Amino acid sequence: MDYLDESFWRLLHDYRVFVVFDEIHHCAGHDPLLSNAWGQQILQRVQDRAAFTLALSGTPWRSDDRAIALARYSSPEGKLICDYRYGLSEAIAEGVCRSPRIVLLDNQKVTLVEEPVVGPAVRLFPSIATLLAESPVTYESLLRHDEVVDQLLRLGCAKLSEVRRSKPDAAGLVVCTDIEHAQRTANALTAQGESCLVVTNKTPDAQHVISSFRHSDCRWIIAVGMISEGTDIPRLQVCCYLSRVRTELYFRQVLGRVLRRTSDIDEQAWLFILAEPTLKGFAERIAEDLPEDLAVLSKFELTAVSSESYLPDADVGALAMIGQGDQEFDSPKEGAAGEVVPARNSPSYKVSFSPHYRELLLACF
């Protein structure tokens, strides 16, 4: 919008214009000083000038807690006021969306060997959540642990093969953390005999790659920051979530990539994630179209805004009994460009997993 000339904006003065916004949550702010670039353009160019506006979003909130441009909020609670809701339950009932099945991968016996200067110390943990809460091991480290990644990918590949027996063109998506992580994941899929493409923000002509995949028979596409939102590949039906990003908005946007229904035989979508507490919480809230604690402003003034669940009991199954080998890594720290790099002069940790993994299946609808 920054580069539209005055002849375009004059349309709002010369005609009664109906303006439609898609994914309006990208446009932040009710005050020019607190808005992002897109929000500023809307406030300055569209607000009070368009005859009608229609703003759409599948996730009508922002991770930075700022107000959405043109949105209305209650006073003094600061809750987002939606004029119309068409939720996932309605979309599933009307055959528009697939019913999500979210599988959380856990392990009942995780061994951590710390190798300090004095001597090694061995600790056992009954779950991934306990490991993350009571040890220096981080979620980002687990995403780079070859055995854990291989196990999650095996589950995704097995499910995709099952789905393709009834829907031969079905495909899978792996959302990765960075470019190096995506390439390692591609190598892991290739080692399992899978065909895959990698697309990142550094991929030459990335949109052409995505378009080619959309109409091909390739089983998997591996993405970094490219297919979380707004990309339509209806044959995607299985997703493995290996991103370090843990916001509910991003989580739901990724899930949305596998929800679009194309026929009467593809009624389910599958998402595989590690049993990390934050992600588990997001999964348990999928049935909530607008989680009450998200679309609420912490500080709110009505004059600053201008504008004309349920979750059934989960099915639990101890289904997978595959997995072997250990992997060593140093305790990580943040590096350049969002990468995780080994910390120098820090203790070394060796994490190993029992071959008996656990799976928790959350079926919200």
Protein backbone atom coordinates (compact mmCIF):
# COMPACT_ATOMS: atom_id res chain seq x y z
CA MET A 1 0.00 0.00 0.00
CA ASP A 2 2.97 2.31 0.47
CA TYR A 3 3.55 2.42 -3.26
CA LEU A 4 0.04 3.09 -4.55
CA ASP A 5 -0.19 6.54 -6.12
CA GLU A 6 -2.75 9.23 -5.39
CA SER A 7 -4.90 8.27 -8.36
CA PHE A 8 -5.68 5.00 -6.61
CA TRP A 9 -6.53 6.58 -3.26
CA ARG A 10 -8.80 9.10 -5.00
CA LEU A 11 -11.17 6.23 -5.69
CA LEU A 12 -12.18 6.37 -2.03
CA HIS A 13 -13.17 10.03 -2.47
CA ASP A 14 -14.88 9.74 -5.85
CA TYR A 15 -16.87 6.54 -5.32
CA ARG A 16 -18.64 4.56 -2.63
CA VAL A 17 -15.97 1.90 -2.20
CA PHE A 18 -16.35 -1.47 -0.52
CA VAL A 19 -12.91 -2.48 0.86
CA VAL A 20 -12.21 -6.13 1.70
CA PHE A 21 -9.23 -7.11 3.89
CA ASP A 22 -7.97 -10.67 4.14
CA GLU A 23 -5.89 -11.70 7.19
CA ILE A 24 -6.58 -8.35 8.81
CA HIS A 25 -4.60 -9.32 11.92
CA HIS A 26 -1.41 -8.40 10.03
CA CYS A 27 -2.52 -4.76 10.17
CA ALA A 28 -1.84 -3.50 13.67
CA GLY A 29 -2.94 -0.43 15.53
CA HIS A 30 -5.67 1.99 16.44
CA ASP A 31 -3.16 4.81 16.94
CA PRO A 32 -0.65 5.83 14.21
CA LEU A 33 2.15 5.80 16.79
CA LEU A 34 1.39 2.19 17.77
CA SER A 35 0.59 0.87 14.31
CA ASN A 36 2.71 -1.06 11.87
CA ALA A 37 3.19 0.15 8.28
CA TRP A 38 0.08 -1.59 6.95
CA GLY A 39 -2.04 -0.42 9.87
CA GLN A 40 -0.93 3.18 9.34
CA GLN A 41 -2.02 3.10 5.70
CA ILE A 42 -5.44 1.79 6.66
CA LEU A 43 -5.90 4.42 9.36
CA GLN A 44 -4.75 7.25 7.11
CA ARG A 45 -6.18 6.18 3.77
CA VAL A 46 -9.17 3.90 4.36
CA GLN A 47 -10.67 4.59 7.77
CA ASP A 48 -13.63 6.99 7.54
CA ARG A 49 -13.28 7.10 3.73
CA ALA A 50 -14.49 3.69 2.59
CA ALA A 51 -18.26 3.31 2.38
CA PHE A 52 -18.05 -0.25 3.66
CA THR A 53 -15.30 -2.52 4.98
CA LEU A 54 -15.16 -6.29 5.44
CA ALA A 55 -12.19 -7.65 7.41
CA LEU A 56 -11.48 -11.37 7.50
CA SER A 57 -9.15 -13.49 9.63
CA GLY A 58 -8.92 -17.10 10.69
CA THR A 59 -6.86 -16.03 13.71
CA PRO A 60 -8.19 -12.61 14.79
CA TRP A 61 -5.51 -11.64 17.28
CA ARG A 62 -1.86 -10.62 17.32
CA SER A 63 1.02 -12.23 19.19
CA ASP A 64 2.30 -8.75 20.19
CA ASP A 65 -1.07 -7.95 21.83
CA ARG A 66 -1.56 -4.81 19.75
CA ALA A 67 -5.01 -3.87 18.48
CA ILE A 68 -6.05 -4.87 14.98
CA ALA A 69 -6.67 -1.93 12.65
CA LEU A 70 -10.38 -1.02 12.28
CA ALA A 71 -11.41 -3.67 14.83
CA ARG A 72 -13.83 -2.86 17.63
CA TYR A 73 -13.14 -3.76 21.25
CA SER A 74 -15.43 -3.75 24.26
CA SER A 75 -14.90 -1.28 27.07
CA PRO A 76 -13.44 -1.58 29.62
CA GLU A 77 -12.66 -5.29 29.09
CA GLY A 78 -10.89 -4.74 25.78
CA LYS A 79 -12.35 -7.88 24.17
CA LEU A 80 -12.47 -8.11 20.39
CA ILE A 81 -15.98 -7.75 19.00
CA CYS A 82 -16.61 -9.94 15.94
CA ASP A 83 -19.64 -9.16 13.80
CA TYR A 84 -19.85 -12.70 12.45
CA ARG A 85 -18.15 -15.97 13.30
CA TYR A 86 -17.82 -18.99 11.06
CA GLY A 87 -15.85 -21.41 13.17
CA LEU A 88 -14.03 -24.66 12.53
CA SER A 89 -16.93 -26.72 13.85
CA GLU A 90 -19.30 -25.16 11.28
CA ALA A 91 -16.73 -25.58 8.51
CA ILE A 92 -16.28 -29.26 9.34
CA ALA A 93 -20.03 -29.85 9.55
CA GLU A 94 -20.54 -28.26 6.12
CA GLY A 95 -17.70 -30.16 4.48
CA VAL A 96 -15.46 -27.12 4.00
CA CYS A 97 -12.67 -28.21 6.37
CA ARG A 98 -11.22 -31.51 7.47
CA SER A 99 -11.44 -32.58 11.09
CA PRO A 100 -8.02 -32.14 12.76
CA ARG A 101 -6.25 -35.02 14.46
CA ILE A 102 -3.24 -33.87 16.48
CA VAL A 103 -0.71 -36.47 17.60
CA LEU A 104 1.74 -35.56 20.38
CA LEU A 105 4.89 -37.68 20.48
CA ASP A 106 6.35 -38.39 23.92
CA ASN A 107 8.84 -40.78 25.51
CA GLN A 108 8.47 -42.46 28.87
CA LYS A 109 12.17 -42.93 29.59
CA VAL A 110 14.56 -40.16 28.64
CA THR A 111 18.14 -40.47 29.85
CA LEU A 112 20.33 -37.41 30.29
CA VAL A 113 24.05 -37.84 30.86
CA GLU A 114 25.86 -34.66 31.85
CA GLU A 115 29.61 -34.74 31.43
CA PRO A 116 31.13 -31.98 33.57
CA VAL A 117 34.75 -31.78 34.57
CA VAL A 118 34.33 -33.83 37.76
CA GLY A 119 32.47 -36.79 36.31
CA PRO A 120 29.32 -37.81 34.46
CA ALA A 121 25.90 -37.55 36.11
CA VAL A 122 22.94 -39.61 34.88
CA ARG A 123 19.32 -38.52 35.26
CA LEU A 124 16.10 -40.15 34.06
CA PHE A 125 12.93 -38.32 33.02
CA PRO A 126 9.46 -39.84 32.50
CA SER A 127 8.45 -37.45 29.70
CA ILE A 128 9.67 -34.76 27.34
CA ALA A 129 7.82 -32.13 29.39
CA THR A 130 9.71 -33.14 32.53
CA LEU A 131 13.02 -33.15 30.64
CA LEU A 132 12.42 -29.61 29.42
CA ALA A 133 11.27 -28.35 32.81
CA GLU A 134 14.00 -29.89 34.96
CA SER A 135 17.12 -29.96 32.80
CA PRO A 136 19.20 -27.62 30.62
CA VAL A 137 17.90 -29.35 27.47
CA THR A 138 15.76 -27.05 25.34
CA TYR A 139 12.92 -27.63 22.91
CA GLU A 140 15.10 -26.25 20.11
CA SER A 141 17.72 -28.89 20.89
CA LEU A 142 15.18 -31.68 20.58
CA LEU A 143 14.22 -30.39 17.13
CA ARG A 144 17.81 -31.12 16.08
CA HIS A 145 18.04 -34.50 17.77
CA ASP A 146 18.16 -36.94 14.89
CA GLU A 147 16.36 -39.77 16.65
CA VAL A 148 13.45 -37.62 17.77
CA VAL A 149 13.07 -36.06 14.33
CA ASP A 150 13.28 -39.46 12.62
CA GLN A 151 10.59 -40.86 14.89
CA LEU A 152 8.23 -37.95 14.25
CA LEU A 153 8.85 -38.22 10.50
CA ARG A 154 8.19 -41.99 10.59
CA LEU A 155 4.79 -41.34 12.10
CA GLY A 156 4.03 -38.71 9.45
CA CYS A 157 5.22 -40.93 6.60
CA ALA A 158 3.17 -43.89 7.83
CA LYS A 159 0.06 -41.75 8.09
CA LEU A 160 0.63 -40.21 4.66
CA SER A 161 1.00 -43.68 3.11
CA GLU A 162 -2.26 -44.68 4.77
CA VAL A 163 -4.06 -41.58 3.49
CA ARG A 164 -2.72 -42.05 -0.04
CA ARG A 165 -4.34 -45.49 -0.28
CA SER A 166 -7.67 -43.70 -0.62
CA LYS A 167 -6.40 -40.34 -1.91
CA PRO A 168 -3.35 -40.99 -4.12
CA ASP A 169 -2.29 -37.35 -4.54
CA ALA A 170 -2.27 -36.51 -0.80
CA ALA A 171 0.91 -34.80 0.41
CA GLY A 172 2.70 -33.85 3.59
CA LEU A 173 4.23 -30.64 4.94
CA VAL A 174 7.18 -30.33 7.32
CA VAL A 175 7.63 -26.91 8.94
CA CYS A 176 11.26 -26.44 9.98
CA THR A 177 13.25 -23.97 12.06
CA ASP A 178 15.87 -22.68 9.62
CA ILE A 179 17.47 -23.54 6.28
CA GLU A 180 20.09 -25.89 7.72
CA HIS A 181 17.41 -27.66 9.72
CA ALA A 182 15.27 -28.02 6.59
CA GLN A 183 18.12 -29.63 4.68
CA ARG A 184 18.80 -32.09 7.49
CA THR A 185 15.11 -32.94 7.53
CA ALA A 186 15.14 -33.47 3.77
CA ASN A 187 18.07 -35.87 4.17
CA ALA A 188 16.15 -37.74 6.86
CA LEU A 189 13.07 -38.08 4.64
CA THR A 190 15.19 -39.19 1.69
CA ALA A 191 16.82 -41.84 3.89
CA GLN A 192 13.32 -43.17 4.61
CA GLY A 193 12.68 -43.48 0.88
CA GLU A 194 10.48 -40.40 0.63
CA SER A 195 10.38 -37.80 -2.16
CA CYS A 196 10.52 -34.18 -0.99
CA LEU A 197 11.11 -30.57 -1.98
CA VAL A 198 12.61 -27.81 0.17
CA VAL A 199 11.37 -24.23 -0.08
CA THR A 200 12.63 -21.31 2.01
CA ASN A 201 12.80 -17.55 1.71
CA LYS A 202 16.20 -18.07 0.08
CA THR A 203 14.92 -20.48 -2.57
CA PRO A 204 15.17 -18.96 -6.08
CA ASP A 205 11.69 -18.53 -7.56
CA ALA A 206 10.14 -20.05 -4.45
CA GLN A 207 6.57 -19.45 -5.59
CA HIS A 208 7.25 -21.44 -8.76
CA VAL A 209 8.56 -24.31 -6.64
CA ILE A 210 5.41 -24.21 -4.51
CA SER A 211 3.19 -24.08 -7.60
CA SER A 212 5.01 -27.04 -9.14
CA PHE A 213 4.55 -29.03 -5.93
CA ARG A 214 0.86 -28.15 -5.84
CA HIS A 215 0.28 -30.04 -9.09
CA SER A 216 2.92 -32.77 -8.75
CA ASP A 217 2.95 -36.22 -7.17
CA CYS A 218 5.83 -35.41 -4.78
CA ARG A 219 4.96 -36.66 -1.30
CA TRP A 220 6.52 -33.98 0.94
CA ILE A 221 7.34 -30.30 0.93
CA ILE A 222 9.68 -28.92 3.61
CA ALA A 223 9.27 -25.22 4.37
CA VAL A 224 10.88 -22.48 6.42
CA GLY A 225 8.65 -19.42 6.76
CA MET A 226 6.89 -19.94 3.43
CA ILE A 227 3.74 -22.02 3.86
CA SER A 228 2.48 -21.05 7.30
CA GLU A 229 -0.19 -18.72 5.95
CA GLY A 230 -1.94 -17.80 2.73
CA THR A 231 -0.56 -20.64 0.59
CA ASP A 232 -3.19 -22.90 -0.92
CA ILE A 233 -2.05 -26.48 -1.53
CA PRO A 234 -5.27 -28.47 -1.01
CA ARG A 235 -3.60 -31.87 -1.35
CA LEU A 236 -1.65 -31.27 1.88
CA GLN A 237 -3.23 -33.51 4.49
CA VAL A 238 -0.40 -34.42 6.90
CA CYS A 239 1.96 -32.03 8.71
CA CYS A 240 5.00 -32.51 10.95
CA TYR A 241 5.62 -29.45 13.12
CA LEU A 242 9.37 -28.96 13.69
CA SER A 243 9.40 -25.19 14.01
CA ARG A 244 10.93 -23.46 17.01
CA VAL A 245 8.10 -20.87 16.88
CA ARG A 246 5.65 -21.43 19.71
CA THR A 247 2.90 -18.85 19.39
CA GLU A 248 -0.71 -19.92 19.12
CA LEU A 249 -1.30 -17.78 16.05
CA TYR A 250 1.54 -19.45 14.11
CA PHE A 251 0.53 -22.91 15.34
CA ARG A 252 -3.01 -22.45 14.06
CA GLN A 253 -1.84 -20.98 10.77
CA VAL A 254 0.31 -24.06 10.16
CA LEU A 255 -2.55 -26.39 11.05
CA GLY A 256 -4.72 -24.47 8.59
CA ARG A 257 -2.49 -25.60 5.70
CA VAL A 258 -3.83 -29.17 5.99
CA LEU A 259 -7.48 -28.41 6.79
CA ARG A 260 -8.87 -27.51 3.37
CA ARG A 261 -11.12 -30.30 2.15
CA THR A 262 -11.16 -31.36 -1.50
CA SER A 263 -13.44 -34.43 -1.61
CA ASP A 264 -15.70 -36.69 0.41
CA ILE A 265 -12.87 -39.09 1.24
CA ASP A 266 -10.41 -36.68 2.89
CA GLU A 267 -12.34 -35.86 6.04
CA GLN A 268 -9.33 -35.84 8.40
CA ALA A 269 -6.15 -33.78 8.68
CA TRP A 270 -3.15 -34.94 10.70
CA LEU A 271 -0.63 -32.84 12.63
CA PHE A 272 2.35 -34.45 14.40
CA ILE A 273 4.16 -32.50 17.14
CA LEU A 274 6.43 -33.15 20.10
CA ALA A 275 4.69 -33.31 23.48
CA GLU A 276 6.07 -29.92 24.53
CA PRO A 277 3.75 -28.29 27.10
CA THR A 278 3.12 -25.05 25.19
CA LEU A 279 2.28 -26.85 21.95
CA LYS A 280 0.11 -29.32 23.82
CA GLY A 281 -1.84 -26.41 25.29
CA PHE A 282 -2.37 -24.95 21.83
CA ALA A 283 -3.59 -28.31 20.55
CA GLU A 284 -6.11 -28.63 23.36
CA ARG A 285 -7.59 -25.22 22.46
CA ILE A 286 -8.15 -25.85 18.75
CA ALA A 287 -11.87 -26.28 19.38
CA GLU A 288 -12.00 -22.65 20.59
CA ASP A 289 -12.57 -20.38 17.59
CA LEU A 290 -11.51 -17.29 19.52
CA PRO A 291 -9.66 -18.11 22.75
CA GLU A 292 -10.83 -15.59 25.30
CA ASP A 293 -7.37 -14.76 26.61
CA LEU A 294 -5.89 -13.96 23.19
CA ALA A 295 -8.15 -11.37 21.59
CA VAL A 296 -8.03 -9.06 24.60
CA LEU A 297 -6.02 -5.86 24.91
CA SER A 298 -4.15 -5.42 28.16
CA LYS A 299 -4.53 -1.65 27.94
CA PHE A 300 -7.52 -0.28 26.13
CA GLU A 301 -9.35 2.98 25.55
CA LEU A 302 -12.57 2.91 23.56
CA THR A 303 -11.99 6.37 22.10
CA ALA A 304 -8.77 5.17 20.49
CA VAL A 305 -10.58 2.78 18.15
CA SER A 306 -12.38 3.94 15.01
CA SER A 307 -14.50 1.76 12.70
CA GLU A 308 -17.77 2.12 10.76
CA SER A 309 -15.39 -25.39 23.67
CA TYR A 310 -15.37 -28.02 24.12
CA LEU A 311 -12.67 -30.69 24.00
CA PRO A 312 -13.77 -34.32 24.40
CA ASP A 313 -11.64 -36.79 26.26
CA ALA A 314 -8.53 -37.56 24.23
CA ASP A 315 -7.92 -40.98 22.75
CA VAL A 316 -4.63 -42.29 24.06
CA GLY A 317 -2.62 -45.00 22.35
CA ALA A 318 0.86 -46.40 22.86
CA LEU A 319 1.25 -47.08 19.16
CA ALA A 320 4.84 -46.55 18.11
CA MET A 321 7.68 -48.73 19.31
CA ILE A 322 10.40 -47.58 16.95
CA GLY A 323 13.52 -45.65 17.84
CA GLN A 324 17.10 -46.28 18.64
CA GLY A 325 20.46 -44.57 19.09
CA ASP A 326 21.74 -41.65 21.07
CA GLN A 327 22.92 -38.20 20.11
CA GLU A 328 25.27 -35.80 21.82
CA PHE A 329 25.00 -32.03 21.75
CA ASP A 330 26.17 -29.08 23.75
CA SER A 331 23.66 -26.98 25.61
CA PRO A 332 22.48 -24.45 22.99
CA LYS A 333 22.26 -20.70 22.94
CA GLU A 334 20.86 -18.20 20.48
CA GLY A 335 23.01 -17.47 17.46
CA ALA A 336 22.82 -15.16 14.47
CA ALA A 337 19.79 -15.29 12.19
CA GLY A 338 17.77 -17.18 14.78
CA GLU A 339 19.96 -20.29 14.67
CA VAL A 340 20.85 -22.43 17.65
CA VAL A 341 24.61 -22.87 18.01
CA PRO A 342 26.66 -24.84 20.52
CA ALA A 343 27.80 -22.85 23.53
CA ARG A 344 31.53 -22.83 24.13
CA ASN A 345 33.01 -23.92 27.44
CA SER A 346 29.69 -25.36 28.59
CA PRO A 347 28.89 -28.84 29.90
CA SER A 348 28.23 -31.54 27.32
CA TYR A 349 24.96 -33.46 27.44
CA LYS A 350 24.04 -36.80 25.98
CA VAL A 351 20.32 -37.48 25.61
CA SER A 352 18.93 -40.89 24.75
CA PHE A 353 15.37 -42.11 24.43
CA SER A 354 13.64 -45.37 25.19
CA PRO A 355 12.59 -47.26 22.04
CA HIS A 356 9.05 -47.27 23.41
CA TYR A 357 7.51 -43.94 22.46
CA ARG A 358 4.07 -42.76 23.52
CA GLU A 359 1.50 -41.04 21.38
CA LEU A 360 -1.39 -38.89 22.52
CA LEU A 361 -4.14 -38.36 19.98
CA LEU A 362 -6.29 -35.25 20.37
CA ALA A 363 -9.48 -35.36 18.35
CA CYS A 364 -11.29 -32.05 18.87
CA PHE A 365 -14.22 -32.68 16.53
